[in-house]
Amino acid sequence: MPQIIEGHYDARNLRIAFVAGRFNEFITRPLLDGALDALRRHGGDTDSATVAWVPGAFEIPVVAKRLAETGDYDAVVALGAVIRGATPHFDHVAGQAASGLMSAGLETGVPVVFGILTVESIEQAIERAGTKAGNKGAEALVAAVETANVLRQIA
């Protein structure tokens, strides 16, 4: 019988940091609110969480990496919204944010969860920030909790 390692959704005793982009804050703020609500619902302490605001999605990876490097956090959750426009700017920002966050997690060994919406329209962003499609900030928090707990079991 193989050894099975599975995460659980208990956020008690986990230290979580959030990095949120101010650009499209009308979307990012509800994502953060959803993530903090999910942290509470899973037993975490929102008073011990850290929230770092940055200008936009492109700036999120460097701050996420710095937070992870401190050793003070069990996971970092990146929250933002990149909405496609008429230029290729979307592709550059979304791609670099994803790549930077993946590198931050791999280089530090701390889960850095991608909670940045990459959508075609404002309507899609609104749907994913707490309406029809749920709250992707809350989902990112749950992924962070589960991954942090898997890593604790491996350690």
N, C-alpha and C. Protein backbone atom coordinates (compact mmCIF):
# COMPACT_ATOMS: atom_id res chain seq x y z
N MET A 1 0.85 -1.18 0.00
CA MET A 1 0.00 0.00 0.00
C MET A 1 0.89 1.24 0.00
N PRO A 2 0.68 2.16 -0.94
CA PRO A 2 1.53 3.35 -0.99
C PRO A 2 1.21 4.33 0.14
N GLN A 3 2.20 5.11 0.49
CA GLN A 3 1.96 6.19 1.45
C GLN A 3 1.20 7.29 0.72
N ILE A 4 0.12 7.74 1.30
CA ILE A 4 -0.70 8.80 0.71
C ILE A 4 -0.53 10.07 1.54
N ILE A 5 -0.19 11.15 0.87
CA ILE A 5 -0.09 12.45 1.54
C ILE A 5 -1.17 13.33 0.93
N GLU A 6 -2.07 13.80 1.77
CA GLU A 6 -3.14 14.68 1.31
C GLU A 6 -3.23 15.87 2.25
N GLY A 7 -3.51 17.00 1.67
CA GLY A 7 -3.68 18.20 2.47
C GLY A 7 -5.06 18.25 3.08
N HIS A 8 -5.21 19.08 4.06
CA HIS A 8 -6.52 19.32 4.67
C HIS A 8 -6.74 20.82 4.69
N TYR A 9 -7.93 21.21 5.05
CA TYR A 9 -8.33 22.61 4.92
C TYR A 9 -8.37 23.35 6.25
N ASP A 10 -7.56 22.92 7.19
CA ASP A 10 -7.49 23.53 8.51
C ASP A 10 -6.42 24.62 8.49
N ALA A 11 -6.85 25.87 8.61
CA ALA A 11 -5.92 27.00 8.55
C ALA A 11 -5.40 27.42 9.92
N ARG A 12 -5.84 26.71 10.98
CA ARG A 12 -5.32 27.05 12.30
C ARG A 12 -3.80 26.89 12.30
N ASN A 13 -3.13 27.82 12.92
CA ASN A 13 -1.68 27.80 13.06
C ASN A 13 -0.93 28.02 11.74
N LEU A 14 -1.63 28.44 10.69
CA LEU A 14 -0.95 28.80 9.46
C LEU A 14 -0.82 30.32 9.38
N ARG A 15 0.31 30.75 8.92
CA ARG A 15 0.55 32.19 8.71
C ARG A 15 0.46 32.45 7.22
N ILE A 16 -0.48 33.30 6.84
CA ILE A 16 -0.75 33.56 5.43
C ILE A 16 -0.49 35.02 5.10
N ALA A 17 0.17 35.25 3.97
CA ALA A 17 0.36 36.61 3.45
C ALA A 17 -0.40 36.72 2.13
N PHE A 18 -0.90 37.91 1.88
CA PHE A 18 -1.61 38.21 0.63
C PHE A 18 -0.89 39.35 -0.05
N VAL A 19 -0.78 39.27 -1.37
CA VAL A 19 -0.28 40.38 -2.17
C VAL A 19 -1.38 40.72 -3.16
N ALA A 20 -1.85 41.95 -3.11
CA ALA A 20 -2.98 42.37 -3.93
C ALA A 20 -2.61 43.55 -4.81
N GLY A 21 -3.03 43.49 -6.06
CA GLY A 21 -2.78 44.57 -7.00
C GLY A 21 -3.87 45.63 -6.92
N ARG A 22 -3.48 46.88 -6.84
CA ARG A 22 -4.46 47.98 -6.80
C ARG A 22 -5.13 48.22 -8.14
N PHE A 23 -4.45 47.90 -9.24
CA PHE A 23 -5.06 48.08 -10.55
C PHE A 23 -6.27 47.15 -10.62
N ASN A 24 -7.38 47.66 -11.05
CA ASN A 24 -8.66 46.92 -11.03
C ASN A 24 -9.07 46.58 -9.60
N GLU A 25 -8.84 47.52 -8.69
CA GLU A 25 -9.13 47.27 -7.27
C GLU A 25 -10.61 46.97 -7.03
N PHE A 26 -11.49 47.45 -7.90
CA PHE A 26 -12.91 47.14 -7.74
C PHE A 26 -13.15 45.64 -7.89
N ILE A 27 -12.20 44.91 -8.45
CA ILE A 27 -12.25 43.45 -8.52
C ILE A 27 -11.36 42.84 -7.45
N THR A 28 -10.19 43.40 -7.28
CA THR A 28 -9.22 42.83 -6.34
C THR A 28 -9.71 42.89 -4.90
N ARG A 29 -10.36 43.98 -4.52
CA ARG A 29 -10.86 44.12 -3.14
C ARG A 29 -11.83 43.00 -2.78
N PRO A 30 -12.83 42.68 -3.62
CA PRO A 30 -13.71 41.55 -3.30
C PRO A 30 -12.97 40.20 -3.28
N LEU A 31 -11.95 40.06 -4.11
CA LEU A 31 -11.15 38.83 -4.05
C LEU A 31 -10.47 38.71 -2.69
N LEU A 32 -9.90 39.81 -2.21
CA LEU A 32 -9.25 39.80 -0.90
C LEU A 32 -10.27 39.55 0.21
N ASP A 33 -11.41 40.21 0.13
CA ASP A 33 -12.46 39.99 1.14
C ASP A 33 -12.88 38.52 1.17
N GLY A 34 -13.03 37.92 -0.01
CA GLY A 34 -13.39 36.50 -0.08
C GLY A 34 -12.32 35.61 0.50
N ALA A 35 -11.06 35.95 0.23
CA ALA A 35 -9.95 35.15 0.77
C ALA A 35 -9.88 35.26 2.29
N LEU A 36 -10.06 36.46 2.82
CA LEU A 36 -10.03 36.63 4.28
C LEU A 36 -11.20 35.92 4.94
N ASP A 37 -12.36 35.97 4.31
CA ASP A 37 -13.53 35.24 4.82
C ASP A 37 -13.25 33.74 4.83
N ALA A 38 -12.66 33.23 3.76
CA ALA A 38 -12.34 31.80 3.69
C ALA A 38 -11.30 31.43 4.75
N LEU A 39 -10.34 32.32 5.00
CA LEU A 39 -9.35 32.05 6.05
C LEU A 39 -10.05 31.89 7.40
N ARG A 40 -10.98 32.80 7.70
CA ARG A 40 -11.75 32.69 8.96
C ARG A 40 -12.55 31.40 9.00
N ARG A 41 -13.23 31.07 7.91
CA ARG A 41 -14.09 29.88 7.87
C ARG A 41 -13.30 28.58 8.03
N HIS A 42 -12.02 28.64 7.70
CA HIS A 42 -11.18 27.44 7.83
C HIS A 42 -10.32 27.47 9.09
N GLY A 43 -10.70 28.34 10.02
CA GLY A 43 -10.07 28.34 11.33
C GLY A 43 -8.86 29.23 11.46
N GLY A 44 -8.54 29.98 10.43
CA GLY A 44 -7.37 30.85 10.48
C GLY A 44 -7.66 32.17 11.19
N ASP A 45 -6.61 32.85 11.55
CA ASP A 45 -6.70 34.12 12.26
C ASP A 45 -6.38 35.25 11.29
N THR A 46 -7.38 36.02 10.90
CA THR A 46 -7.15 37.11 9.95
C THR A 46 -6.29 38.22 10.57
N ASP A 47 -6.30 38.34 11.88
CA ASP A 47 -5.47 39.37 12.52
C ASP A 47 -3.98 39.07 12.38
N SER A 48 -3.63 37.81 12.17
CA SER A 48 -2.22 37.47 12.01
C SER A 48 -1.80 37.43 10.54
N ALA A 49 -2.75 37.66 9.64
CA ALA A 49 -2.43 37.70 8.22
C ALA A 49 -1.77 39.03 7.86
N THR A 50 -1.05 39.03 6.78
CA THR A 50 -0.43 40.24 6.25
C THR A 50 -0.99 40.48 4.86
N VAL A 51 -1.32 41.74 4.57
CA VAL A 51 -1.78 42.13 3.23
C VAL A 51 -0.84 43.20 2.71
N ALA A 52 -0.21 42.93 1.59
CA ALA A 52 0.65 43.90 0.93
C ALA A 52 -0.01 44.34 -0.37
N TRP A 53 -0.22 45.64 -0.52
CA TRP A 53 -0.80 46.19 -1.75
C TRP A 53 0.32 46.67 -2.66
N VAL A 54 0.21 46.36 -3.94
CA VAL A 54 1.18 46.79 -4.95
C VAL A 54 0.42 47.44 -6.11
N PRO A 55 1.11 48.14 -7.00
CA PRO A 55 0.40 48.84 -8.08
C PRO A 55 -0.46 47.93 -8.96
N GLY A 56 0.06 46.79 -9.36
CA GLY A 56 -0.71 45.93 -10.26
C GLY A 56 -0.16 44.52 -10.30
N ALA A 57 -0.71 43.71 -11.20
CA ALA A 57 -0.34 42.29 -11.28
C ALA A 57 1.13 42.08 -11.61
N PHE A 58 1.71 42.96 -12.41
CA PHE A 58 3.11 42.80 -12.80
C PHE A 58 4.05 42.92 -11.60
N GLU A 59 3.66 43.70 -10.61
CA GLU A 59 4.50 43.91 -9.42
C GLU A 59 4.28 42.86 -8.33
N ILE A 60 3.26 42.05 -8.46
CA ILE A 60 2.93 41.08 -7.42
C ILE A 60 4.05 40.05 -7.18
N PRO A 61 4.67 39.46 -8.23
CA PRO A 61 5.65 38.39 -7.96
C PRO A 61 6.83 38.79 -7.10
N VAL A 62 7.40 39.98 -7.30
CA VAL A 62 8.58 40.35 -6.52
C VAL A 62 8.23 40.50 -5.04
N VAL A 63 7.07 41.04 -4.74
CA VAL A 63 6.66 41.19 -3.34
C VAL A 63 6.28 39.83 -2.76
N ALA A 64 5.62 39.00 -3.54
CA ALA A 64 5.29 37.64 -3.07
C ALA A 64 6.55 36.87 -2.73
N LYS A 65 7.56 36.98 -3.59
CA LYS A 65 8.81 36.27 -3.33
C LYS A 65 9.48 36.79 -2.06
N ARG A 66 9.50 38.10 -1.88
CA ARG A 66 10.14 38.67 -0.69
C ARG A 66 9.41 38.20 0.57
N LEU A 67 8.08 38.18 0.54
CA LEU A 67 7.32 37.70 1.70
C LEU A 67 7.64 36.23 1.97
N ALA A 68 7.71 35.43 0.92
CA ALA A 68 8.02 34.01 1.10
C ALA A 68 9.42 33.81 1.66
N GLU A 69 10.36 34.63 1.22
CA GLU A 69 11.75 34.52 1.67
C GLU A 69 11.92 34.82 3.15
N THR A 70 11.01 35.60 3.74
CA THR A 70 11.18 35.96 5.15
C THR A 70 11.11 34.76 6.07
N GLY A 71 10.44 33.70 5.65
CA GLY A 71 10.24 32.54 6.52
C GLY A 71 9.13 32.76 7.52
N ASP A 72 8.44 33.88 7.44
CA ASP A 72 7.37 34.19 8.38
C ASP A 72 6.02 33.63 7.97
N TYR A 73 5.92 33.10 6.75
CA TYR A 73 4.61 32.69 6.23
C TYR A 73 4.64 31.26 5.72
N ASP A 74 3.52 30.58 5.92
CA ASP A 74 3.36 29.21 5.41
C ASP A 74 2.90 29.21 3.97
N ALA A 75 2.29 30.31 3.52
CA ALA A 75 1.84 30.44 2.14
C ALA A 75 1.63 31.91 1.82
N VAL A 76 1.72 32.21 0.53
CA VAL A 76 1.46 33.55 0.02
C VAL A 76 0.40 33.43 -1.06
N VAL A 77 -0.61 34.28 -0.98
CA VAL A 77 -1.69 34.27 -1.96
C VAL A 77 -1.63 35.56 -2.77
N ALA A 78 -1.51 35.42 -4.08
CA ALA A 78 -1.46 36.57 -4.98
C ALA A 78 -2.84 36.84 -5.55
N LEU A 79 -3.30 38.08 -5.44
CA LEU A 79 -4.63 38.45 -5.90
C LEU A 79 -4.56 39.66 -6.82
N GLY A 80 -5.20 39.55 -7.96
CA GLY A 80 -5.21 40.65 -8.91
C GLY A 80 -6.20 40.36 -10.02
N ALA A 81 -6.26 41.28 -10.96
CA ALA A 81 -7.15 41.11 -12.11
C ALA A 81 -6.51 41.73 -13.34
N VAL A 82 -6.31 40.91 -14.36
CA VAL A 82 -5.81 41.37 -15.65
C VAL A 82 -6.94 41.13 -16.65
N ILE A 83 -7.44 42.22 -17.21
CA ILE A 83 -8.58 42.16 -18.11
C ILE A 83 -8.10 42.48 -19.52
N ARG A 84 -8.41 41.60 -20.46
CA ARG A 84 -7.93 41.78 -21.83
C ARG A 84 -8.46 43.08 -22.42
N GLY A 85 -7.59 43.76 -23.11
CA GLY A 85 -7.98 44.99 -23.82
C GLY A 85 -7.69 44.83 -25.30
N ALA A 86 -7.50 45.93 -25.97
CA ALA A 86 -7.31 45.92 -27.42
C ALA A 86 -5.85 45.75 -27.83
N THR A 87 -4.93 45.66 -26.85
CA THR A 87 -3.50 45.55 -27.17
C THR A 87 -2.95 44.25 -26.57
N PRO A 88 -1.74 43.86 -26.94
CA PRO A 88 -1.13 42.64 -26.39
C PRO A 88 -0.63 42.79 -24.95
N HIS A 89 -0.85 43.94 -24.34
CA HIS A 89 -0.41 44.19 -22.96
C HIS A 89 -0.89 43.07 -22.02
N PHE A 90 -2.13 42.63 -22.19
CA PHE A 90 -2.71 41.56 -21.37
C PHE A 90 -1.81 40.33 -21.35
N ASP A 91 -1.38 39.89 -22.54
CA ASP A 91 -0.59 38.66 -22.63
C ASP A 91 0.74 38.79 -21.88
N HIS A 92 1.36 39.95 -21.99
CA HIS A 92 2.64 40.15 -21.31
C HIS A 92 2.47 40.18 -19.79
N VAL A 93 1.50 40.94 -19.32
CA VAL A 93 1.30 41.07 -17.87
C VAL A 93 0.87 39.74 -17.27
N ALA A 94 -0.13 39.09 -17.86
CA ALA A 94 -0.63 37.83 -17.31
C ALA A 94 0.46 36.76 -17.32
N GLY A 95 1.18 36.65 -18.43
CA GLY A 95 2.23 35.63 -18.54
C GLY A 95 3.37 35.84 -17.57
N GLN A 96 3.81 37.08 -17.45
CA GLN A 96 4.92 37.37 -16.54
C GLN A 96 4.51 37.22 -15.09
N ALA A 97 3.28 37.59 -14.76
CA ALA A 97 2.81 37.41 -13.38
C ALA A 97 2.78 35.93 -13.03
N ALA A 98 2.25 35.11 -13.92
CA ALA A 98 2.18 33.67 -13.66
C ALA A 98 3.58 33.08 -13.53
N SER A 99 4.45 33.43 -14.44
CA SER A 99 5.82 32.91 -14.42
C SER A 99 6.56 33.35 -13.16
N GLY A 100 6.41 34.61 -12.81
CA GLY A 100 7.08 35.13 -11.62
C GLY A 100 6.60 34.47 -10.33
N LEU A 101 5.30 34.22 -10.24
CA LEU A 101 4.77 33.58 -9.04
C LEU A 101 5.21 32.12 -8.95
N MET A 102 5.23 31.43 -10.08
CA MET A 102 5.71 30.04 -10.08
C MET A 102 7.17 30.00 -9.62
N SER A 103 7.99 30.90 -10.15
CA SER A 103 9.39 30.94 -9.75
C SER A 103 9.53 31.24 -8.27
N ALA A 104 8.74 32.17 -7.76
CA ALA A 104 8.82 32.53 -6.34
C ALA A 104 8.55 31.32 -5.46
N GLY A 105 7.55 30.55 -5.80
CA GLY A 105 7.24 29.36 -5.01
C GLY A 105 8.32 28.30 -5.11
N LEU A 106 8.78 28.05 -6.32
CA LEU A 106 9.81 27.03 -6.50
C LEU A 106 11.13 27.42 -5.83
N GLU A 107 11.48 28.69 -5.91
CA GLU A 107 12.76 29.14 -5.35
C GLU A 107 12.75 29.22 -3.83
N THR A 108 11.60 29.45 -3.24
CA THR A 108 11.54 29.61 -1.79
C THR A 108 11.03 28.37 -1.07
N GLY A 109 10.33 27.49 -1.77
CA GLY A 109 9.72 26.34 -1.14
C GLY A 109 8.44 26.66 -0.38
N VAL A 110 7.97 27.89 -0.53
CA VAL A 110 6.72 28.32 0.11
C VAL A 110 5.64 28.35 -0.97
N PRO A 111 4.46 27.80 -0.70
CA PRO A 111 3.41 27.88 -1.71
C PRO A 111 3.06 29.34 -2.01
N VAL A 112 3.13 29.69 -3.28
CA VAL A 112 2.74 31.01 -3.76
C VAL A 112 1.60 30.76 -4.75
N VAL A 113 0.40 31.06 -4.32
CA VAL A 113 -0.80 30.66 -5.06
C VAL A 113 -1.26 31.76 -6.00
N PHE A 114 -1.57 31.36 -7.22
CA PHE A 114 -1.99 32.27 -8.28
C PHE A 114 -3.49 32.53 -8.19
N GLY A 115 -3.83 33.67 -7.60
CA GLY A 115 -5.22 34.09 -7.50
C GLY A 115 -5.47 35.34 -8.34
N ILE A 116 -4.74 35.44 -9.44
CA ILE A 116 -4.89 36.59 -10.33
C ILE A 116 -5.85 36.20 -11.44
N LEU A 117 -6.95 36.91 -11.55
CA LEU A 117 -7.89 36.65 -12.62
C LEU A 117 -7.28 37.10 -13.94
N THR A 118 -7.40 36.28 -14.95
CA THR A 118 -6.99 36.63 -16.31
C THR A 118 -8.22 36.39 -17.17
N VAL A 119 -8.92 37.47 -17.47
CA VAL A 119 -10.25 37.35 -18.08
C VAL A 119 -10.37 38.19 -19.34
N GLU A 120 -11.39 37.89 -20.09
CA GLU A 120 -11.65 38.58 -21.35
C GLU A 120 -12.44 39.88 -21.18
N SER A 121 -13.17 39.99 -20.08
CA SER A 121 -14.04 41.16 -19.93
C SER A 121 -14.24 41.51 -18.46
N ILE A 122 -14.71 42.72 -18.24
CA ILE A 122 -15.04 43.16 -16.88
C ILE A 122 -16.13 42.26 -16.31
N GLU A 123 -17.07 41.88 -17.14
CA GLU A 123 -18.17 41.02 -16.67
C GLU A 123 -17.64 39.69 -16.14
N GLN A 124 -16.68 39.10 -16.85
CA GLN A 124 -16.09 37.85 -16.37
C GLN A 124 -15.37 38.06 -15.04
N ALA A 125 -14.70 39.17 -14.90
CA ALA A 125 -13.99 39.46 -13.64
C ALA A 125 -14.99 39.58 -12.49
N ILE A 126 -16.07 40.30 -12.72
CA ILE A 126 -17.10 40.47 -11.68
C ILE A 126 -17.69 39.13 -11.29
N GLU A 127 -17.95 38.27 -12.27
CA GLU A 127 -18.49 36.94 -11.99
C GLU A 127 -17.57 36.13 -11.10
N ARG A 128 -16.27 36.30 -11.24
CA ARG A 128 -15.29 35.50 -10.50
C ARG A 128 -14.86 36.15 -9.18
N ALA A 129 -15.35 37.35 -8.94
CA ALA A 129 -15.00 38.06 -7.70
C ALA A 129 -16.15 38.02 -6.70
N GLY A 130 -17.00 37.01 -6.81
CA GLY A 130 -18.00 36.82 -5.78
C GLY A 130 -19.43 36.74 -6.26
N THR A 131 -19.64 36.68 -7.58
CA THR A 131 -21.04 36.54 -8.03
C THR A 131 -21.23 35.15 -8.62
N LYS A 132 -21.64 35.04 -9.86
CA LYS A 132 -22.04 33.75 -10.45
C LYS A 132 -20.99 32.65 -10.37
N ALA A 133 -19.74 32.98 -10.56
CA ALA A 133 -18.69 31.96 -10.60
C ALA A 133 -17.98 31.80 -9.26
N GLY A 134 -18.58 32.27 -8.19
CA GLY A 134 -17.96 32.16 -6.87
C GLY A 134 -16.90 33.22 -6.68
N ASN A 135 -16.07 33.03 -5.68
CA ASN A 135 -15.01 33.98 -5.38
C ASN A 135 -13.67 33.28 -5.53
N LYS A 136 -12.93 33.66 -6.54
CA LYS A 136 -11.65 33.01 -6.82
C LYS A 136 -10.59 33.37 -5.78
N GLY A 137 -10.78 34.45 -5.05
CA GLY A 137 -9.88 34.75 -3.94
C GLY A 137 -10.02 33.72 -2.83
N ALA A 138 -11.26 33.35 -2.53
CA ALA A 138 -11.51 32.31 -1.54
C ALA A 138 -10.92 30.98 -1.99
N GLU A 139 -11.09 30.67 -3.28
CA GLU A 139 -10.53 29.41 -3.80
C GLU A 139 -9.01 29.41 -3.72
N ALA A 140 -8.38 30.55 -3.97
CA ALA A 140 -6.92 30.63 -3.87
C ALA A 140 -6.46 30.40 -2.44
N LEU A 141 -7.19 30.95 -1.48
CA LEU A 141 -6.85 30.74 -0.07
C LEU A 141 -6.93 29.26 0.28
N VAL A 142 -7.98 28.59 -0.15
CA VAL A 142 -8.14 27.17 0.15
C VAL A 142 -6.99 26.36 -0.47
N ALA A 143 -6.60 26.70 -1.68
CA ALA A 143 -5.46 26.02 -2.31
C ALA A 143 -4.18 26.26 -1.51
N ALA A 144 -3.99 27.46 -0.99
CA ALA A 144 -2.81 27.77 -0.19
C ALA A 144 -2.80 26.96 1.10
N VAL A 145 -3.93 26.87 1.76
CA VAL A 145 -4.04 26.10 3.01
C VAL A 145 -3.73 24.63 2.75
N GLU A 146 -4.36 24.07 1.74
CA GLU A 146 -4.14 22.66 1.43
C GLU A 146 -2.67 22.38 1.10
N THR A 147 -2.07 23.22 0.28
CA THR A 147 -0.68 23.01 -0.12
C THR A 147 0.27 23.17 1.06
N ALA A 148 0.03 24.17 1.90
CA ALA A 148 0.88 24.36 3.09
C ALA A 148 0.79 23.14 4.00
N ASN A 149 -0.39 22.58 4.13
CA ASN A 149 -0.55 21.40 4.99
C ASN A 149 0.09 20.16 4.38
N VAL A 150 0.09 20.03 3.05
CA VAL A 150 0.82 18.93 2.40
C VAL A 150 2.30 19.08 2.69
N LEU A 151 2.84 20.27 2.53
CA LEU A 151 4.27 20.48 2.77
C LEU A 151 4.65 20.21 4.22
N ARG A 152 3.78 20.55 5.14
CA ARG A 152 4.06 20.25 6.57
C ARG A 152 4.16 18.74 6.78
N GLN A 153 3.34 17.96 6.10
CA GLN A 153 3.40 16.51 6.25
C GLN A 153 4.70 15.94 5.67
N ILE A 154 5.16 16.52 4.58
CA ILE A 154 6.39 16.04 3.95
C ILE A 154 7.59 16.39 4.81
N ALA A 155 7.57 17.57 5.40
CA ALA A 155 8.70 18.01 6.23
C ALA A 155 8.84 17.11 7.43
